[in-house]
C-alpha atoms as a PDB file:
ATOM      1  CA  UNK A   1       0.000   0.000   0.000  1.00  0.00           C
ATOM      2  CA  UNK A   2       1.260   3.486  -0.857  1.00  0.00           C
ATOM      3  CA  UNK A   3       1.356   6.471   1.530  1.00  0.00           C
ATOM      4  CA  UNK A   4      -1.882   7.887   0.089  1.00  0.00           C
ATOM      5  CA  UNK A   5      -3.647   4.550   0.598  1.00  0.00           C
ATOM      6  CA  UNK A   6      -4.007   3.727  -3.089  1.00  0.00           C
ATOM      7  CA  UNK A   7      -3.013   0.372  -4.537  1.00  0.00           C
ATOM      8  CA  UNK A   8      -0.851   1.034  -7.599  1.00  0.00           C
ATOM      9  CA  UNK A   9       0.784  -1.171 -10.211  1.00  0.00           C
ATOM     10  CA  UNK A  10       2.579  -1.384 -13.514  1.00  0.00           C
ATOM     11  CA  UNK A  11       0.839  -3.864 -15.820  1.00  0.00           C
ATOM     12  CA  UNK A  12       2.046  -6.018 -18.696  1.00  0.00           C
ATOM     13  CA  UNK A  13       0.457  -8.933 -20.516  1.00  0.00           C
ATOM     14  CA  UNK A  14       1.917 -12.112 -21.982  1.00  0.00           C
ATOM     15  CA  UNK A  15       0.389 -14.550 -24.436  1.00  0.00           C
ATOM     16  CA  UNK A  16       3.490 -16.791 -24.640  1.00  0.00           C
ATOM     17  CA  UNK A  17       6.781 -17.416 -22.845  1.00  0.00           C
ATOM     18  CA  UNK A  18       8.724 -14.974 -25.010  1.00  0.00           C
ATOM     19  CA  UNK A  19       6.379 -12.109 -24.229  1.00  0.00           C
ATOM     20  CA  UNK A  20       6.499 -13.085 -20.549  1.00  0.00           C
ATOM     21  CA  UNK A  21      10.278 -12.728 -20.674  1.00  0.00           C
ATOM     22  CA  UNK A  22       9.949  -9.263 -22.205  1.00  0.00           C
ATOM     23  CA  UNK A  23       7.612  -8.260 -19.366  1.00  0.00           C
ATOM     24  CA  UNK A  24      10.088  -9.487 -16.751  1.00  0.00           C
ATOM     25  CA  UNK A  25      12.932  -7.542 -18.371  1.00  0.00           C
ATOM     26  CA  UNK A  26      10.793  -4.382 -18.383  1.00  0.00           C
ATOM     27  CA  UNK A  27       9.754  -4.890 -14.754  1.00  0.00           C
ATOM     28  CA  UNK A  28      13.395  -5.233 -13.714  1.00  0.00           C
ATOM     29  CA  UNK A  29      14.194  -1.976 -15.535  1.00  0.00           C
ATOM     30  CA  UNK A  30      11.425  -0.180 -13.637  1.00  0.00           C
ATOM     31  CA  UNK A  31      13.048  -1.183 -10.345  1.00  0.00           C
ATOM     32  CA  UNK A  32      16.464  -0.044 -11.586  1.00  0.00           C
ATOM     33  CA  UNK A  33      14.917   3.339 -12.402  1.00  0.00           C
ATOM     34  CA  UNK A  34      13.650   3.714  -8.846  1.00  0.00           C
ATOM     35  CA  UNK A  35      10.078   2.410  -8.709  1.00  0.00           C
ATOM     36  CA  UNK A  36       9.523   1.357  -5.068  1.00  0.00           C
ATOM     37  CA  UNK A  37       8.343  -2.080  -3.958  1.00  0.00           C
ATOM     38  CA  UNK A  38       5.073  -0.532  -2.763  1.00  0.00           C
ATOM     39  CA  UNK A  39       4.093  -0.375  -6.445  1.00  0.00           C
ATOM     40  CA  UNK A  40       3.457  -3.853  -7.869  1.00  0.00           C
ATOM     41  CA  UNK A  41       4.638  -5.068 -11.249  1.00  0.00           C
ATOM     42  CA  UNK A  42       1.863  -7.284 -12.610  1.00  0.00           C
ATOM     43  CA  UNK A  43       1.810  -9.528 -15.656  1.00  0.00           C
ATOM     44  CA  UNK A  44      -1.471 -10.881 -17.001  1.00  0.00           C
ATOM     45  CA  UNK A  45      -0.837 -14.332 -18.474  1.00  0.00           C
ATOM     46  CA  UNK A  46      -3.000 -16.603 -20.606  1.00  0.00           C
ATOM     47  CA  UNK A  47      -2.909 -20.393 -20.752  1.00  0.00           C
ATOM     48  CA  UNK A  48      -0.073 -20.496 -23.324  1.00  0.00           C
ATOM     49  CA  UNK A  49       2.402 -19.224 -20.710  1.00  0.00           C
ATOM     50  CA  UNK A  50       3.915 -22.316 -19.082  1.00  0.00           C
ATOM     51  CA  UNK A  51       3.978 -23.002 -15.354  1.00  0.00           C
ATOM     52  CA  UNK A  52       7.792 -22.918 -15.392  1.00  0.00           C
ATOM     53  CA  UNK A  53       7.735 -19.431 -16.857  1.00  0.00           C
ATOM     54  CA  UNK A  54       5.076 -18.279 -14.409  1.00  0.00           C
ATOM     55  CA  UNK A  55       7.282 -19.411 -11.531  1.00  0.00           C
ATOM     56  CA  UNK A  56      10.255 -17.475 -12.945  1.00  0.00           C
ATOM     57  CA  UNK A  57       8.073 -14.364 -13.158  1.00  0.00           C
ATOM     58  CA  UNK A  58       6.987 -14.757  -9.537  1.00  0.00           C
ATOM     59  CA  UNK A  59      10.562 -15.450  -8.410  1.00  0.00           C
ATOM     60  CA  UNK A  60      11.550 -12.270 -10.244  1.00  0.00           C
ATOM     61  CA  UNK A  61       9.197 -10.221  -8.084  1.00  0.00           C
ATOM     62  CA  UNK A  62       6.202  -9.964 -10.393  1.00  0.00           C
ATOM     63  CA  UNK A  63       2.563 -10.577  -9.526  1.00  0.00           C
ATOM     64  CA  UNK A  64       1.345 -13.255 -11.949  1.00  0.00           C
ATOM     65  CA  UNK A  65      -2.327 -12.781 -12.818  1.00  0.00           C
ATOM     66  CA  UNK A  66      -3.937 -15.544 -14.915  1.00  0.00           C
ATOM     67  CA  UNK A  67      -6.643 -14.205 -17.248  1.00  0.00           C
ATOM     68  CA  UNK A  68      -8.785 -15.544 -20.051  1.00  0.00           C
ATOM     69  CA  UNK A  69      -7.451 -14.548 -23.478  1.00  0.00           C
ATOM     70  CA  UNK A  70      -9.489 -11.947 -25.300  1.00  0.00           C
ATOM     71  CA  UNK A  71      -9.267 -13.399 -28.742  1.00  0.00           C
ATOM     72  CA  UNK A  72      -9.914 -12.123 -32.248  1.00  0.00           C
ATOM     73  CA  UNK A  73     -11.248 -15.248 -33.899  1.00  0.00           C
ATOM     74  CA  UNK A  74     -11.147 -13.611 -37.324  1.00  0.00           C
ATOM     75  CA  UNK A  75      -7.359 -13.229 -36.955  1.00  0.00           C
ATOM     76  CA  UNK A  76      -5.001 -16.196 -36.820  1.00  0.00           C
ATOM     77  CA  UNK A  77      -1.803 -14.136 -36.735  1.00  0.00           C
ATOM     78  CA  UNK A  78       0.555 -12.868 -34.062  1.00  0.00           C
ATOM     79  CA  UNK A  79      -1.948 -10.260 -32.802  1.00  0.00           C
ATOM     80  CA  UNK A  80      -4.811 -12.706 -32.338  1.00  0.00           C
ATOM     81  CA  UNK A  81      -4.774 -12.373 -28.530  1.00  0.00           C
ATOM     82  CA  UNK A  82      -3.805  -8.692 -28.400  1.00  0.00           C
ATOM     83  CA  UNK A  83      -7.196  -7.585 -27.063  1.00  0.00           C
ATOM     84  CA  UNK A  84      -6.162  -9.251 -23.788  1.00  0.00           C
ATOM     85  CA  UNK A  85      -4.362  -5.987 -23.077  1.00  0.00           C
ATOM     86  CA  UNK A  86      -7.729  -4.272 -22.617  1.00  0.00           C
ATOM     87  CA  UNK A  87      -8.421  -6.320 -19.487  1.00  0.00           C
ATOM     88  CA  UNK A  88      -6.514  -3.568 -17.690  1.00  0.00           C
ATOM     89  CA  UNK A  89      -9.827  -1.679 -17.616  1.00  0.00           C
ATOM     90  CA  UNK A  90     -11.364  -4.459 -15.527  1.00  0.00           C
ATOM     91  CA  UNK A  91     -11.304  -3.965 -11.749  1.00  0.00           C
ATOM     92  CA  UNK A  92      -8.674  -6.307 -10.292  1.00  0.00           C
ATOM     93  CA  UNK A  93      -7.951  -4.650  -6.972  1.00  0.00           C
ATOM     94  CA  UNK A  94      -5.847  -1.693  -8.147  1.00  0.00           C
ATOM     95  CA  UNK A  95      -6.842   1.967  -7.926  1.00  0.00           C
ATOM     96  CA  UNK A  96      -4.559   3.079 -10.758  1.00  0.00           C
ATOM     97  CA  UNK A  97      -2.255   1.228 -13.106  1.00  0.00           C
ATOM     98  CA  UNK A  98       0.276   2.105 -15.758  1.00  0.00           C
ATOM     99  CA  UNK A  99       0.278  -0.323 -18.666  1.00  0.00           C
ATOM    100  CA  UNK A 100       3.389  -0.654 -20.882  1.00  0.00           C
ATOM    101  CA  UNK A 101       3.878  -2.774 -24.006  1.00  0.00           C
ATOM    102  CA  UNK A 102       6.832  -5.082 -23.462  1.00  0.00           C
ATOM    103  CA  UNK A 103       8.442  -4.571 -26.892  1.00  0.00           C
ATOM    104  CA  UNK A 104      10.016  -1.430 -25.501  1.00  0.00           C
ATOM    105  CA  UNK A 105      12.967  -0.097 -23.551  1.00  0.00           C
ATOM    106  CA  UNK A 106      12.033   2.138 -20.628  1.00  0.00           C
ATOM    107  CA  UNK A 107      14.418   5.069 -20.334  1.00  0.00           C
ATOM    108  CA  UNK A 108      13.099   7.163 -17.419  1.00  0.00           C
ATOM    109  CA  UNK A 109      11.091   6.697 -14.231  1.00  0.00           C
ATOM    110  CA  UNK A 110       7.351   6.908 -14.921  1.00  0.00           C
ATOM    111  CA  UNK A 111       6.003   6.961 -11.356  1.00  0.00           C
ATOM    112  CA  UNK A 112       4.896  10.594 -11.780  1.00  0.00           C
ATOM    113  CA  UNK A 113       2.018   9.323 -13.925  1.00  0.00           C
ATOM    114  CA  UNK A 114       0.352   7.830 -10.855  1.00  0.00           C
ATOM    115  CA  UNK A 115      -0.307  11.420  -9.726  1.00  0.00           C
ATOM    116  CA  UNK A 116      -2.115  12.617 -12.843  1.00  0.00           C
ATOM    117  CA  UNK A 117      -5.680  13.840 -12.318  1.00  0.00           C
ATOM    118  CA  UNK A 118      -8.504  11.525 -13.291  1.00  0.00           C
ATOM    119  CA  UNK A 119      -9.332  10.985 -16.955  1.00  0.00           C
ATOM    120  CA  UNK A 120     -11.135   8.284 -18.918  1.00  0.00           C
ATOM    121  CA  UNK A 121      -7.554   7.108 -19.422  1.00  0.00           C
ATOM    122  CA  UNK A 122      -4.246   8.743 -20.350  1.00  0.00           C
ATOM    123  CA  UNK A 123      -2.051   7.913 -23.344  1.00  0.00           C
ATOM    124  CA  UNK A 124       0.531   9.609 -25.572  1.00  0.00           C
ATOM    125  CA  UNK A 125      -0.308  10.812 -29.036  1.00  0.00           C
ATOM    126  CA  UNK A 126       0.620   8.419 -31.860  1.00  0.00           C
ATOM    127  CA  UNK A 127       2.509  11.332 -33.365  1.00  0.00           C
ATOM    128  CA  UNK A 128       3.634   9.385 -36.469  1.00  0.00           C
ATOM    129  CA  UNK A 129       0.015   8.951 -37.629  1.00  0.00           C
ATOM    130  CA  UNK A 130      -0.334  12.602 -38.534  1.00  0.00           C
ATOM    131  CA  UNK A 131      -3.343  12.111 -40.805  1.00  0.00           C
ATOM    132  CA  UNK A 132      -5.431  10.527 -38.009  1.00  0.00           C
ATOM    133  CA  UNK A 133      -4.978  13.090 -35.262  1.00  0.00           C
ATOM    134  CA  UNK A 134      -6.158  13.245 -32.561  1.00  0.00           C
ATOM    135  CA  UNK A 135      -5.077   9.596 -32.258  1.00  0.00           C
ATOM    136  CA  UNK A 136      -3.314   7.914 -29.338  1.00  0.00           C
ATOM    137  CA  UNK A 137      -0.956   4.961 -29.047  1.00  0.00           C
ATOM    138  CA  UNK A 138      -1.730   2.102 -26.677  1.00  0.00           C
ATOM    139  CA  UNK A 139       1.952   1.367 -25.973  1.00  0.00           C
ATOM    140  CA  UNK A 140       1.548   3.309 -22.703  1.00  0.00           C
ATOM    141  CA  UNK A 141      -1.768   3.685 -20.874  1.00  0.00           C
ATOM    142  CA  UNK A 142      -2.649   5.148 -17.489  1.00  0.00           C
ATOM    143  CA  UNK A 143      -5.929   3.662 -16.290  1.00  0.00           C
ATOM    144  CA  UNK A 144      -8.189   3.854 -13.249  1.00  0.00           C
ATOM    145  CA  UNK A 145      -9.884   0.451 -13.680  1.00  0.00           C
ATOM    146  CA  UNK A 146     -13.660   0.623 -13.891  1.00  0.00           C
ATOM    147  CA  UNK A 147     -15.942  -2.294 -14.703  1.00  0.00           C
ATOM    148  CA  UNK A 148     -18.378   0.023 -16.495  1.00  0.00           C
ATOM    149  CA  UNK A 149     -15.613   1.020 -18.923  1.00  0.00           C
ATOM    150  CA  UNK A 150     -14.599  -2.601 -19.334  1.00  0.00           C
ATOM    151  CA  UNK A 151     -18.185  -3.599 -20.111  1.00  0.00           C
ATOM    152  CA  UNK A 152     -18.399  -0.791 -22.669  1.00  0.00           C
ATOM    153  CA  UNK A 153     -15.352  -2.227 -24.448  1.00  0.00           C
ATOM    154  CA  UNK A 154     -16.804  -5.737 -24.360  1.00  0.00           C
ATOM    155  CA  UNK A 155     -20.000  -4.545 -26.030  1.00  0.00           C
ATOM    156  CA  UNK A 156     -18.137  -2.470 -28.610  1.00  0.00           C
ATOM    157  CA  UNK A 157     -15.882  -5.360 -29.589  1.00  0.00           C
ATOM    158  CA  UNK A 158     -18.776  -7.815 -29.809  1.00  0.00           C
ATOM    159  CA  UNK A 159     -20.506  -5.516 -32.296  1.00  0.00           C
ATOM    160  CA  UNK A 160     -17.548  -4.672 -34.536  1.00  0.00           C
ATOM    161  CA  UNK A 161     -18.055  -5.442 -38.208  1.00  0.00           C
ATOM    162  CA  UNK A 162     -14.371  -5.699 -39.132  1.00  0.00           C
ATOM    163  CA  UNK A 163     -11.199  -6.710 -37.300  1.00  0.00           C
ATOM    164  CA  UNK A 164      -9.971  -3.928 -35.047  1.00  0.00           C
ATOM    165  CA  UNK A 165      -7.105  -4.059 -32.591  1.00  0.00           C
ATOM    166  CA  UNK A 166      -6.704  -2.560 -29.145  1.00  0.00           C
ATOM    167  CA  UNK A 167      -5.349   0.798 -30.311  1.00  0.00           C
ATOM    168  CA  UNK A 168      -8.082   1.188 -32.931  1.00  0.00           C
ATOM    169  CA  UNK A 169     -10.834   0.365 -30.455  1.00  0.00           C
ATOM    170  CA  UNK A 170      -9.638   2.854 -27.846  1.00  0.00           C
ATOM    171  CA  UNK A 171      -9.450   5.619 -30.437  1.00  0.00           C
ATOM    172  CA  UNK A 172     -12.853   4.819 -31.925  1.00  0.00           C
ATOM    173  CA  UNK A 173     -14.667   4.597 -28.605  1.00  0.00           C
ATOM    174  CA  UNK A 174     -13.053   7.434 -26.617  1.00  0.00           C
ATOM    175  CA  UNK A 175     -11.114   9.552 -29.083  1.00  0.00           C
ATOM    176  CA  UNK A 176     -12.207  12.868 -27.582  1.00  0.00           C
ATOM    177  CA  UNK A 177     -12.297  11.811 -23.924  1.00  0.00           C
ATOM    178  CA  UNK A 178      -8.743  10.564 -23.440  1.00  0.00           C
ATOM    179  CA  UNK A 179      -6.144  12.604 -21.584  1.00  0.00           C
ATOM    180  CA  UNK A 180      -3.227  13.034 -23.994  1.00  0.00           C
ATOM    181  CA  UNK A 181       0.329  12.769 -22.692  1.00  0.00           C
ATOM    182  CA  UNK A 182       3.263  14.564 -24.362  1.00  0.00           C
ATOM    183  CA  UNK A 183       4.638  12.682 -27.350  1.00  0.00           C
ATOM    184  CA  UNK A 184       8.065  12.105 -25.787  1.00  0.00           C
ATOM    185  CA  UNK A 185       6.518   9.505 -23.489  1.00  0.00           C
ATOM    186  CA  UNK A 186       6.650   6.998 -26.381  1.00  0.00           C
ATOM    187  CA  UNK A 187       9.028   7.444 -29.322  1.00  0.00           C
ATOM    188  CA  UNK A 188       9.519   4.913 -32.107  1.00  0.00           C
ATOM    189  CA  UNK A 189      13.023   3.509 -32.529  1.00  0.00           C
ATOM    190  CA  UNK A 190      12.649   4.299 -36.242  1.00  0.00           C
ATOM    191  CA  UNK A 191      12.957   7.972 -35.344  1.00  0.00           C
ATOM    192  CA  UNK A 192      16.437   7.441 -33.966  1.00  0.00           C
ATOM    193  CA  UNK A 193      17.612   6.752 -37.521  1.00  0.00           C
ATOM    194  CA  UNK A 194      15.247   8.740 -39.748  1.00  0.00           C
ATOM    195  CA  UNK A 195      13.101  11.886 -39.506  1.00  0.00           C
ATOM    196  CA  UNK A 196      15.172  12.786 -36.433  1.00  0.00           C
ATOM    197  CA  UNK A 197      14.578  16.514 -36.777  1.00  0.00           C
ATOM    198  CA  UNK A 198      10.971  16.209 -37.887  1.00  0.00           C
ATOM    199  CA  UNK A 199       9.677  15.008 -34.529  1.00  0.00           C
ATOM    200  CA  UNK A 200      11.272  17.254 -31.890  1.00  0.00           C
ATOM    201  CA  UNK A 201       8.078  17.884 -29.868  1.00  0.00           C
ATOM    202  CA  UNK A 202       9.119  21.450 -29.060  1.00  0.00           C
ATOM    203  CA  UNK A 203      12.701  20.656 -28.072  1.00  0.00           C
ATOM    204  CA  UNK A 204      15.378  22.671 -29.816  1.00  0.00           C
ATOM    205  CA  UNK A 205      17.549  19.726 -30.819  1.00  0.00           C
ATOM    206  CA  UNK A 206      17.330  16.020 -31.542  1.00  0.00           C
ATOM    207  CA  UNK A 207      19.657  15.395 -28.600  1.00  0.00           C
ATOM    208  CA  UNK A 208      17.281  17.195 -26.236  1.00  0.00           C
ATOM    209  CA  UNK A 209      14.352  15.127 -27.461  1.00  0.00           C
ATOM    210  CA  UNK A 210      16.304  11.910 -26.893  1.00  0.00           C
ATOM    211  CA  UNK A 211      17.271  13.058 -23.398  1.00  0.00           C
ATOM    212  CA  UNK A 212      13.602  13.587 -22.486  1.00  0.00           C
ATOM    213  CA  UNK A 213      12.203  10.373 -24.017  1.00  0.00           C
ATOM    214  CA  UNK A 214      10.576   8.033 -21.500  1.00  0.00           C
ATOM    215  CA  UNK A 215      10.019   4.915 -23.620  1.00  0.00           C
ATOM    216  CA  UNK A 216      11.482   3.754 -26.917  1.00  0.00           C
ATOM    217  CA  UNK A 217       9.169   1.392 -28.787  1.00  0.00           C
ATOM    218  CA  UNK A 218      10.774  -1.061 -31.207  1.00  0.00           C
ATOM    219  CA  UNK A 219       9.248  -0.364 -34.602  1.00  0.00           C
ATOM    220  CA  UNK A 220       9.726  -2.022 -37.952  1.00  0.00           C
ATOM    221  CA  UNK A 221      12.022  -0.543 -40.584  1.00  0.00           C
ATOM    222  CA  UNK A 222      13.471  -2.013 -43.801  1.00  0.00           C
ATOM    223  CA  UNK A 223      16.573  -3.422 -42.061  1.00  0.00           C
ATOM    224  CA  UNK A 224      15.345  -3.936 -38.507  1.00  0.00           C
ATOM    225  CA  UNK A 225      12.710  -6.165 -36.956  1.00  0.00           C
ATOM    226  CA  UNK A 226      11.536  -6.720 -33.395  1.00  0.00           C
ATOM    227  CA  UNK A 227      14.641  -7.649 -31.362  1.00  0.00           C
ATOM    228  CA  UNK A 228      13.501 -11.192 -30.531  1.00  0.00           C
ATOM    229  CA  UNK A 229      13.352 -11.861 -34.284  1.00  0.00           C
ATOM    230  CA  UNK A 230      16.962 -10.720 -34.747  1.00  0.00           C
ATOM    231  CA  UNK A 231      20.368 -11.434 -33.256  1.00  0.00           C
ATOM    232  CA  UNK A 232      23.553  -9.497 -32.674  1.00  0.00           C
ATOM    233  CA  UNK A 233      25.070 -10.715 -35.956  1.00  0.00           C
ATOM    234  CA  UNK A 234      22.420  -8.759 -37.862  1.00  0.00           C
ATOM    235  CA  UNK A 235      23.446  -5.435 -36.337  1.00  0.00           C
ATOM    236  CA  UNK A 236      25.951  -3.417 -38.333  1.00  0.00           C
ATOM    237  CA  UNK A 237      26.557  -0.071 -36.670  1.00  0.00           C
ATOM    238  CA  UNK A 238      26.552   2.800 -39.129  1.00  0.00           C
ATOM    239  CA  UNK A 239      28.382   6.012 -38.213  1.00  0.00           C
ATOM    240  CA  UNK A 240      25.509   8.250 -39.304  1.00  0.00           C
ATOM    241  CA  UNK A 241      23.060   6.690 -36.815  1.00  0.00           C
ATOM    242  CA  UNK A 242      23.059   7.584 -33.125  1.00  0.00           C
ATOM    243  CA  UNK A 243      24.658   4.760 -31.069  1.00  0.00           C
ATOM    244  CA  UNK A 244      21.581   4.654 -28.828  1.00  0.00           C
ATOM    245  CA  UNK A 245      19.611   3.020 -31.645  1.00  0.00           C
ATOM    246  CA  UNK A 246      21.882  -0.025 -31.517  1.00  0.00           C
ATOM    247  CA  UNK A 247      22.290   0.160 -27.739  1.00  0.00           C
ATOM    248  CA  UNK A 248      18.548  -0.413 -27.301  1.00  0.00           C
ATOM    249  CA  UNK A 249      18.792  -3.743 -29.110  1.00  0.00           C
ATOM    250  CA  UNK A 250      21.862  -4.690 -27.079  1.00  0.00           C
ATOM    251  CA  UNK A 251      20.088  -3.823 -23.818  1.00  0.00           C
ATOM    252  CA  UNK A 252      17.028  -5.842 -24.782  1.00  0.00           C
ATOM    253  CA  UNK A 253      19.087  -8.924 -25.639  1.00  0.00           C
ATOM    254  CA  UNK A 254      21.183  -8.583 -22.480  1.00  0.00           C
ATOM    255  CA  UNK A 255      18.025  -8.469 -20.361  1.00  0.00           C
ATOM    256  CA  UNK A 256      16.659 -11.627 -21.950  1.00  0.00           C
ATOM    257  CA  UNK A 257      19.948 -13.456 -21.377  1.00  0.00           C
ATOM    258  CA  UNK A 258      20.096 -12.325 -17.752  1.00  0.00           C
ATOM    259  CA  UNK A 259      16.511 -12.871 -16.631  1.00  0.00           C
ATOM    260  CA  UNK A 260      15.048 -15.538 -18.919  1.00  0.00           C
ATOM    261  CA  UNK A 261      16.788 -18.914 -18.544  1.00  0.00           C
ATOM    262  CA  UNK A 262      13.425 -20.533 -19.317  1.00  0.00           C
ATOM    263  CA  UNK A 263      13.643 -19.585 -23.010  1.00  0.00           C
END
């Protein structure tokens, strides 16, 4: 319990052992950045996450929360179970939670977000989707769980006429009710190697923007994939690209080697 009496947590979700590893690596980084033990790190897991992996998560200090997968039956691809993320809106005993996608590297302490005023939910702008604005990204969400909101999402998803994913649904349902966080809370890794000076978010230099970035989200580019689909032999450092771009991959791989013997 925190000094103000609220029960707070960081949330992740995992639909397989690899994603569970990513969540554990991220949770460890939160502690390194100063998040106190009074704030839980929680991972929602579905049945595909093995018992061995669940035990490693618990031994690593995480709260393991089994949930039913929220499944897109029209989709048989990698994002089939991605709606499971939206279970963060369901009341599970926490007053406020911060959800983070696990295909990220957290750069700065995020605990300040627990002190934001109430909103339907908070999220950063998906700044790269300029033609859709206002439009948020679901990589980072600040939520005060509410079963009425969760039920609203359940109804909306049951009535959808085409396949929509978590980010689409949140924008369609509550586009003008969300509290929007500054864009530097989530920056795509792509914008460490291209369009560096296009997306400065009011900072005078690219270096200042990088310094103030909270989360880097691994994004696809012609030469780079998600880090678990690559290895160190595929990285060739180019002098015209900021070293941090490559360092993020190295940090991600190092975390998996250190914390995930179950893989």
